[in-house]
Amino acid sequence: GLENNPDNFIEVPVIKGPVPTMIRETLNYLRINVVKERIQKPEDDERSIKVFNYPYQALEEAVVNALYQREPVEITVEPDKISILSYS
């Protein structure tokens, strides 16, 4: 991440357009590139355990709330956190 290693930085092109389009594209980017799933299969159980690194529903709520403020929003993804900064 940028905080611990300034050389480890990727800037995604700015997402522009109507608010619903920005929400859809932002969530799509986060779902594909950030949210990861790990499946654990216990030996003594027929069911698998699915674990996600970030809860998608929480990201969805935070992104929608930030973008509907109609102000610039900056989303920073670090190895241990996601920051959503609304300039309103």
C-alpha atoms as a PDB file:
ATOM      1  CA  GLY A   1       0.000   0.000   0.000  1.00  0.00           C
ATOM      2  CA  LEU A   2       0.920   3.619  -0.464  1.00  0.00           C
ATOM      3  CA  GLU A   3       1.185   4.312   3.270  1.00  0.00           C
ATOM      4  CA  ASN A   4       3.867   1.670   3.872  1.00  0.00           C
ATOM      5  CA  ASN A   5       5.468   1.665   0.421  1.00  0.00           C
ATOM      6  CA  PRO A   6       5.036   4.781  -1.773  1.00  0.00           C
ATOM      7  CA  ASP A   7       6.190   2.799  -4.830  1.00  0.00           C
ATOM      8  CA  ASN A   8       3.262   0.360  -4.458  1.00  0.00           C
ATOM      9  CA  PHE A   9       0.570   2.589  -5.956  1.00  0.00           C
ATOM     10  CA  ILE A  10      -1.955   2.094  -8.748  1.00  0.00           C
ATOM     11  CA  GLU A  11      -4.220   4.925  -9.806  1.00  0.00           C
ATOM     12  CA  VAL A  12      -7.426   3.904 -11.543  1.00  0.00           C
ATOM     13  CA  PRO A  13      -8.869   6.310 -14.131  1.00  0.00           C
ATOM     14  CA  VAL A  14     -11.507   8.673 -12.764  1.00  0.00           C
ATOM     15  CA  ILE A  15     -15.037   7.306 -13.039  1.00  0.00           C
ATOM     16  CA  LYS A  16     -17.407   9.947 -14.409  1.00  0.00           C
ATOM     17  CA  GLY A  17     -21.026  10.112 -15.486  1.00  0.00           C
ATOM     18  CA  PRO A  18     -24.425  10.010 -13.840  1.00  0.00           C
ATOM     19  CA  VAL A  19     -24.438   8.884 -10.204  1.00  0.00           C
ATOM     20  CA  PRO A  20     -25.992   5.444 -10.916  1.00  0.00           C
ATOM     21  CA  THR A  21     -23.299   4.782 -13.543  1.00  0.00           C
ATOM     22  CA  MET A  22     -20.512   5.835 -11.182  1.00  0.00           C
ATOM     23  CA  ILE A  23     -21.939   3.598  -8.443  1.00  0.00           C
ATOM     24  CA  ARG A  24     -22.214   0.598 -10.776  1.00  0.00           C
ATOM     25  CA  GLU A  25     -18.690   1.035 -12.205  1.00  0.00           C
ATOM     26  CA  THR A  26     -17.115   1.635  -8.783  1.00  0.00           C
ATOM     27  CA  LEU A  27     -18.772  -1.407  -7.224  1.00  0.00           C
ATOM     28  CA  ASN A  28     -17.901  -3.515 -10.252  1.00  0.00           C
ATOM     29  CA  TYR A  29     -14.230  -2.502  -9.929  1.00  0.00           C
ATOM     30  CA  LEU A  30     -14.198  -3.253  -6.192  1.00  0.00           C
ATOM     31  CA  ARG A  31     -15.990  -6.596  -6.668  1.00  0.00           C
ATOM     32  CA  ILE A  32     -13.547  -7.755  -9.355  1.00  0.00           C
ATOM     33  CA  ASN A  33     -10.258  -6.319  -8.076  1.00  0.00           C
ATOM     34  CA  VAL A  34     -10.569  -5.944  -4.306  1.00  0.00           C
ATOM     35  CA  VAL A  35     -13.141  -8.295  -2.757  1.00  0.00           C
ATOM     36  CA  LYS A  36     -11.703 -11.800  -2.587  1.00  0.00           C
ATOM     37  CA  GLU A  37     -13.282 -15.030  -1.388  1.00  0.00           C
ATOM     38  CA  ARG A  38     -11.545 -17.859   0.415  1.00  0.00           C
ATOM     39  CA  ILE A  39     -13.261 -21.233   0.749  1.00  0.00           C
ATOM     40  CA  GLN A  40     -12.323 -23.514   3.610  1.00  0.00           C
ATOM     41  CA  LYS A  41     -13.391 -27.147   3.619  1.00  0.00           C
ATOM     42  CA  PRO A  42     -13.335 -28.639   7.118  1.00  0.00           C
ATOM     43  CA  GLU A  43     -12.465 -32.338   7.140  1.00  0.00           C
ATOM     44  CA  ASP A  44     -15.279 -33.246   9.533  1.00  0.00           C
ATOM     45  CA  ASP A  45     -18.099 -31.289   7.830  1.00  0.00           C
ATOM     46  CA  GLU A  46     -19.697 -31.619   4.395  1.00  0.00           C
ATOM     47  CA  ARG A  47     -20.290 -27.860   4.215  1.00  0.00           C
ATOM     48  CA  SER A  48     -17.658 -25.387   3.104  1.00  0.00           C
ATOM     49  CA  ILE A  49     -16.974 -22.111   4.887  1.00  0.00           C
ATOM     50  CA  LYS A  50     -16.791 -19.009   2.685  1.00  0.00           C
ATOM     51  CA  VAL A  51     -14.820 -16.047   4.007  1.00  0.00           C
ATOM     52  CA  PHE A  52     -14.467 -12.670   2.275  1.00  0.00           C
ATOM     53  CA  ASN A  53     -11.703 -10.131   2.916  1.00  0.00           C
ATOM     54  CA  TYR A  54     -14.276  -7.269   2.832  1.00  0.00           C
ATOM     55  CA  PRO A  55     -18.054  -7.481   3.202  1.00  0.00           C
ATOM     56  CA  TYR A  56     -19.447  -6.454  -0.186  1.00  0.00           C
ATOM     57  CA  GLN A  57     -22.742  -5.174   1.261  1.00  0.00           C
ATOM     58  CA  ALA A  58     -20.868  -2.754   3.535  1.00  0.00           C
ATOM     59  CA  LEU A  59     -18.791  -1.478   0.610  1.00  0.00           C
ATOM     60  CA  GLU A  60     -21.954  -1.088  -1.439  1.00  0.00           C
ATOM     61  CA  GLU A  61     -23.620   1.009   1.260  1.00  0.00           C
ATOM     62  CA  ALA A  62     -20.555   3.200   1.825  1.00  0.00           C
ATOM     63  CA  VAL A  63     -20.005   3.843  -1.894  1.00  0.00           C
ATOM     64  CA  VAL A  64     -23.669   4.681  -2.525  1.00  0.00           C
ATOM     65  CA  ASN A  65     -23.779   7.048   0.467  1.00  0.00           C
ATOM     66  CA  ALA A  66     -20.567   8.814  -0.598  1.00  0.00           C
ATOM     67  CA  LEU A  67     -21.494   9.195  -4.266  1.00  0.00           C
ATOM     68  CA  TYR A  68     -25.007  10.486  -3.618  1.00  0.00           C
ATOM     69  CA  GLN A  69     -23.475  13.485  -1.807  1.00  0.00           C
ATOM     70  CA  ARG A  70     -22.666  14.781  -5.324  1.00  0.00           C
ATOM     71  CA  GLU A  71     -19.189  15.836  -4.283  1.00  0.00           C
ATOM     72  CA  PRO A  72     -15.838  14.384  -5.362  1.00  0.00           C
ATOM     73  CA  VAL A  73     -15.112  11.039  -3.703  1.00  0.00           C
ATOM     74  CA  GLU A  74     -11.725   9.371  -3.277  1.00  0.00           C
ATOM     75  CA  ILE A  75     -11.474   5.656  -2.537  1.00  0.00           C
ATOM     76  CA  THR A  76      -8.152   4.322  -1.290  1.00  0.00           C
ATOM     77  CA  VAL A  77      -7.514   0.584  -0.995  1.00  0.00           C
ATOM     78  CA  GLU A  78      -4.707  -0.454   1.339  1.00  0.00           C
ATOM     79  CA  PRO A  79      -3.757  -4.044   2.244  1.00  0.00           C
ATOM     80  CA  ASP A  80      -5.558  -3.751   5.591  1.00  0.00           C
ATOM     81  CA  LYS A  81      -8.314  -1.174   4.946  1.00  0.00           C
ATOM     82  CA  ILE A  82     -10.448   0.715   2.449  1.00  0.00           C
ATOM     83  CA  SER A  83     -10.932   4.456   2.939  1.00  0.00           C
ATOM     84  CA  ILE A  84     -13.805   6.328   1.287  1.00  0.00           C
ATOM     85  CA  LEU A  85     -13.305  10.085   1.474  1.00  0.00           C
ATOM     86  CA  SER A  86     -16.110  12.407   0.409  1.00  0.00           C
ATOM     87  CA  TYR A  87     -15.008  16.018  -0.031  1.00  0.00           C
ATOM     88  CA  SER A  88     -18.400  17.383   1.062  1.00  0.00           C
END
